[in-house]
Amino acid sequence: MKRPPKKTILAVSVALAGTSSALAADEGSSQRVAEKQAAGPPARTEMTTPGATDPLVRDFDQARQAYLAKRDAAKKSQRGISEADRQAVRERLQVQRDEQIRAREELRQQLREKREQLPSHRDLIDDARERVRERPRRGE
């Protein structure tokens, strides 16, 4: 599989880091995140209803706006700072990047575990075929 360009990876990493930072900065966000995680995934019927994704889109837009505001504030604050301060910022960004990589790996591991827990689609299809074959046909 072809790897995406480094610029794309960096842009996505920065966006995700900023989004998670913006969420963490928001009062009570950790509590909301914990509640969402404890609630688990929504039932299939909830996902298929019209407008079910509206709250998710709204949350994303709010997090995006918070990230952009924080980024703009950081740019303004970096004007006229010394090289030592710039180095401290670089080190802080490296730590955040490392945390992001670790969190991404944890999510990948959770995804692998969840995939292993799901039944095979082939098994579901075979079960459905057997039920159809067992039904009596009209006229027989």
C-alpha atoms as a PDB file:
ATOM      1  CA  MET A   1       0.000   0.000   0.000  1.00  0.00           C
ATOM      2  CA  LYS A   2       1.306   3.456  -0.911  1.00  0.00           C
ATOM      3  CA  ARG A   3       2.170   5.688   2.038  1.00  0.00           C
ATOM      4  CA  PRO A   4       0.725   9.204   2.166  1.00  0.00           C
ATOM      5  CA  PRO A   5       3.132  12.128   1.842  1.00  0.00           C
ATOM      6  CA  LYS A   6       4.842  13.292   5.019  1.00  0.00           C
ATOM      7  CA  LYS A   7       3.143  16.670   4.751  1.00  0.00           C
ATOM      8  CA  THR A   8      -0.253  14.969   4.901  1.00  0.00           C
ATOM      9  CA  ILE A   9       0.751  12.866   7.890  1.00  0.00           C
ATOM     10  CA  LEU A  10       2.123  15.927   9.660  1.00  0.00           C
ATOM     11  CA  ALA A  11      -0.998  17.965   8.919  1.00  0.00           C
ATOM     12  CA  VAL A  12      -3.273  15.216  10.237  1.00  0.00           C
ATOM     13  CA  SER A  13      -1.099  14.754  13.323  1.00  0.00           C
ATOM     14  CA  VAL A  14      -1.131  18.461  14.074  1.00  0.00           C
ATOM     15  CA  ALA A  15      -4.886  18.631  13.561  1.00  0.00           C
ATOM     16  CA  LEU A  16      -5.483  15.657  15.843  1.00  0.00           C
ATOM     17  CA  ALA A  17      -3.080  16.959  18.476  1.00  0.00           C
ATOM     18  CA  GLY A  18      -4.747  20.348  18.404  1.00  0.00           C
ATOM     19  CA  THR A  19      -8.209  18.809  18.553  1.00  0.00           C
ATOM     20  CA  SER A  20      -7.303  16.651  21.523  1.00  0.00           C
ATOM     21  CA  SER A  21      -5.593  19.620  23.188  1.00  0.00           C
ATOM     22  CA  ALA A  22      -8.623  21.819  22.571  1.00  0.00           C
ATOM     23  CA  LEU A  23     -10.887  19.165  24.011  1.00  0.00           C
ATOM     24  CA  ALA A  24      -8.646  18.699  27.036  1.00  0.00           C
ATOM     25  CA  ALA A  25      -8.553  22.449  27.617  1.00  0.00           C
ATOM     26  CA  ASP A  26     -12.330  22.627  27.649  1.00  0.00           C
ATOM     27  CA  GLU A  27     -13.738  22.333  31.182  1.00  0.00           C
ATOM     28  CA  GLY A  28     -15.379  18.983  31.768  1.00  0.00           C
ATOM     29  CA  SER A  29     -14.236  17.567  28.454  1.00  0.00           C
ATOM     30  CA  SER A  30     -12.516  14.619  30.060  1.00  0.00           C
ATOM     31  CA  GLN A  31     -15.756  13.782  31.810  1.00  0.00           C
ATOM     32  CA  ARG A  32     -17.701  13.973  28.521  1.00  0.00           C
ATOM     33  CA  VAL A  33     -15.124  11.803  26.774  1.00  0.00           C
ATOM     34  CA  ALA A  34     -15.314   9.241  29.567  1.00  0.00           C
ATOM     35  CA  GLU A  35     -19.116   9.236  29.386  1.00  0.00           C
ATOM     36  CA  LYS A  36     -19.046   8.706  25.616  1.00  0.00           C
ATOM     37  CA  GLN A  37     -16.562   5.868  25.959  1.00  0.00           C
ATOM     38  CA  ALA A  38     -18.586   4.255  28.757  1.00  0.00           C
ATOM     39  CA  ALA A  39     -21.764   4.481  26.703  1.00  0.00           C
ATOM     40  CA  GLY A  40     -20.190   2.366  23.963  1.00  0.00           C
ATOM     41  CA  PRO A  41     -21.099   2.469  20.319  1.00  0.00           C
ATOM     42  CA  PRO A  42     -24.629   3.466  19.381  1.00  0.00           C
ATOM     43  CA  ALA A  43     -27.085   0.794  18.354  1.00  0.00           C
ATOM     44  CA  ARG A  44     -27.335   0.127  14.627  1.00  0.00           C
ATOM     45  CA  THR A  45     -30.814   1.669  14.450  1.00  0.00           C
ATOM     46  CA  GLU A  46     -29.490   4.896  15.961  1.00  0.00           C
ATOM     47  CA  MET A  47     -26.818   5.188  13.286  1.00  0.00           C
ATOM     48  CA  THR A  48     -29.250   4.733  10.409  1.00  0.00           C
ATOM     49  CA  THR A  49     -31.736   7.370  11.503  1.00  0.00           C
ATOM     50  CA  PRO A  50     -31.538  10.687   9.678  1.00  0.00           C
ATOM     51  CA  GLY A  51     -29.632  13.322  11.609  1.00  0.00           C
ATOM     52  CA  ALA A  52     -27.858  10.794  13.840  1.00  0.00           C
ATOM     53  CA  THR A  53     -24.479  12.207  12.851  1.00  0.00           C
ATOM     54  CA  ASP A  54     -25.438  15.860  13.383  1.00  0.00           C
ATOM     55  CA  PRO A  55     -24.162  15.971  17.000  1.00  0.00           C
ATOM     56  CA  LEU A  56     -20.881  14.377  15.910  1.00  0.00           C
ATOM     57  CA  VAL A  57     -20.407  16.930  13.148  1.00  0.00           C
ATOM     58  CA  ARG A  58     -21.278  19.758  15.521  1.00  0.00           C
ATOM     59  CA  ASP A  59     -18.771  18.465  18.109  1.00  0.00           C
ATOM     60  CA  PHE A  60     -16.098  18.195  15.442  1.00  0.00           C
ATOM     61  CA  ASP A  61     -16.753  21.728  14.203  1.00  0.00           C
ATOM     62  CA  GLN A  62     -16.544  23.105  17.739  1.00  0.00           C
ATOM     63  CA  ALA A  63     -13.277  21.264  18.374  1.00  0.00           C
ATOM     64  CA  ARG A  64     -11.945  22.518  15.034  1.00  0.00           C
ATOM     65  CA  GLN A  65     -12.810  26.115  15.855  1.00  0.00           C
ATOM     66  CA  ALA A  66     -11.167  25.808  19.269  1.00  0.00           C
ATOM     67  CA  TYR A  67      -8.051  24.331  17.662  1.00  0.00           C
ATOM     68  CA  LEU A  68      -7.846  27.119  15.065  1.00  0.00           C
ATOM     69  CA  ALA A  69      -8.226  29.783  17.752  1.00  0.00           C
ATOM     70  CA  LYS A  70      -5.528  28.154  19.861  1.00  0.00           C
ATOM     71  CA  ARG A  71      -3.229  27.866  16.835  1.00  0.00           C
ATOM     72  CA  ASP A  72      -3.700  31.533  15.952  1.00  0.00           C
ATOM     73  CA  ALA A  73      -2.997  32.539  19.552  1.00  0.00           C
ATOM     74  CA  ALA A  74       0.179  30.437  19.527  1.00  0.00           C
ATOM     75  CA  LYS A  75       1.339  32.073  16.300  1.00  0.00           C
ATOM     76  CA  LYS A  76       0.795  35.530  17.757  1.00  0.00           C
ATOM     77  CA  SER A  77       2.626  34.651  20.954  1.00  0.00           C
ATOM     78  CA  GLN A  78       5.656  33.310  19.048  1.00  0.00           C
ATOM     79  CA  ARG A  79       6.432  36.609  17.367  1.00  0.00           C
ATOM     80  CA  GLY A  80       9.621  38.061  18.804  1.00  0.00           C
ATOM     81  CA  ILE A  81      10.569  35.167  21.115  1.00  0.00           C
ATOM     82  CA  SER A  82      14.158  34.068  21.648  1.00  0.00           C
ATOM     83  CA  GLU A  83      15.776  30.972  20.150  1.00  0.00           C
ATOM     84  CA  ALA A  84      15.801  29.287  23.587  1.00  0.00           C
ATOM     85  CA  ASP A  85      12.048  29.789  23.857  1.00  0.00           C
ATOM     86  CA  ARG A  86      11.604  28.419  20.347  1.00  0.00           C
ATOM     87  CA  GLN A  87      13.606  25.344  21.321  1.00  0.00           C
ATOM     88  CA  ALA A  88      11.392  24.851  24.390  1.00  0.00           C
ATOM     89  CA  VAL A  89       8.326  25.023  22.130  1.00  0.00           C
ATOM     90  CA  ARG A  90       9.894  22.478  19.747  1.00  0.00           C
ATOM     91  CA  GLU A  91      10.573  20.113  22.647  1.00  0.00           C
ATOM     92  CA  ARG A  92       7.017  20.485  23.923  1.00  0.00           C
ATOM     93  CA  LEU A  93       5.692  19.757  20.423  1.00  0.00           C
ATOM     94  CA  GLN A  94       7.913  16.677  20.195  1.00  0.00           C
ATOM     95  CA  VAL A  95       6.496  15.385  23.491  1.00  0.00           C
ATOM     96  CA  GLN A  96       2.955  15.985  22.216  1.00  0.00           C
ATOM     97  CA  ARG A  97       3.815  14.242  18.945  1.00  0.00           C
ATOM     98  CA  ASP A  98       5.188  11.240  20.840  1.00  0.00           C
ATOM     99  CA  GLU A  99       2.009  11.084  22.933  1.00  0.00           C
ATOM    100  CA  GLN A 100      -0.051  11.238  19.737  1.00  0.00           C
ATOM    101  CA  ILE A 101       1.908   8.344  18.227  1.00  0.00           C
ATOM    102  CA  ARG A 102       1.455   6.290  21.394  1.00  0.00           C
ATOM    103  CA  ALA A 103      -2.288   7.031  21.466  1.00  0.00           C
ATOM    104  CA  ARG A 104      -2.608   6.110  17.784  1.00  0.00           C
ATOM    105  CA  GLU A 105      -0.874   2.784  18.395  1.00  0.00           C
ATOM    106  CA  GLU A 106      -3.196   2.082  21.327  1.00  0.00           C
ATOM    107  CA  LEU A 107      -6.203   2.801  19.111  1.00  0.00           C
ATOM    108  CA  ARG A 108      -4.839   0.512  16.409  1.00  0.00           C
ATOM    109  CA  GLN A 109      -4.410  -2.253  18.965  1.00  0.00           C
ATOM    110  CA  GLN A 110      -7.985  -1.735  20.208  1.00  0.00           C
ATOM    111  CA  LEU A 111      -9.192  -1.892  16.611  1.00  0.00           C
ATOM    112  CA  ARG A 112      -7.371  -5.181  16.067  1.00  0.00           C
ATOM    113  CA  GLU A 113      -8.949  -6.595  19.231  1.00  0.00           C
ATOM    114  CA  LYS A 114     -12.436  -5.460  18.201  1.00  0.00           C
ATOM    115  CA  ARG A 115     -12.018  -6.979  14.733  1.00  0.00           C
ATOM    116  CA  GLU A 116     -11.074 -10.295  16.310  1.00  0.00           C
ATOM    117  CA  GLN A 117     -14.221 -10.181  18.440  1.00  0.00           C
ATOM    118  CA  LEU A 118     -16.539  -9.615  15.482  1.00  0.00           C
ATOM    119  CA  PRO A 119     -17.959 -12.689  13.794  1.00  0.00           C
ATOM    120  CA  SER A 120     -16.785 -13.322  10.296  1.00  0.00           C
ATOM    121  CA  HIS A 121     -19.070 -11.915   7.618  1.00  0.00           C
ATOM    122  CA  ARG A 122     -18.720 -15.193   5.746  1.00  0.00           C
ATOM    123  CA  ASP A 123     -20.249 -17.039   8.713  1.00  0.00           C
ATOM    124  CA  LEU A 124     -23.233 -14.677   8.766  1.00  0.00           C
ATOM    125  CA  ILE A 125     -23.825 -15.094   5.047  1.00  0.00           C
ATOM    126  CA  ASP A 126     -23.605 -18.894   5.295  1.00  0.00           C
ATOM    127  CA  ASP A 127     -26.069 -18.924   8.199  1.00  0.00           C
ATOM    128  CA  ALA A 128     -28.529 -16.811   6.231  1.00  0.00           C
ATOM    129  CA  ARG A 129     -28.232 -19.149   3.213  1.00  0.00           C
ATOM    130  CA  GLU A 130     -28.950 -22.177   5.377  1.00  0.00           C
ATOM    131  CA  ARG A 131     -32.077 -20.553   6.830  1.00  0.00           C
ATOM    132  CA  VAL A 132     -33.336 -19.749   3.348  1.00  0.00           C
ATOM    133  CA  ARG A 133     -32.726 -23.306   2.143  1.00  0.00           C
ATOM    134  CA  GLU A 134     -34.578 -24.749   5.137  1.00  0.00           C
ATOM    135  CA  ARG A 135     -37.736 -22.711   4.491  1.00  0.00           C
ATOM    136  CA  PRO A 136     -40.464 -24.497   2.558  1.00  0.00           C
ATOM    137  CA  ARG A 137     -41.131 -23.016  -0.850  1.00  0.00           C
ATOM    138  CA  ARG A 138     -44.528 -21.994  -2.062  1.00  0.00           C
ATOM    139  CA  GLY A 139     -46.386 -24.794  -3.723  1.00  0.00           C
ATOM    140  CA  GLU A 140     -44.377 -27.589  -2.146  1.00  0.00           C
END
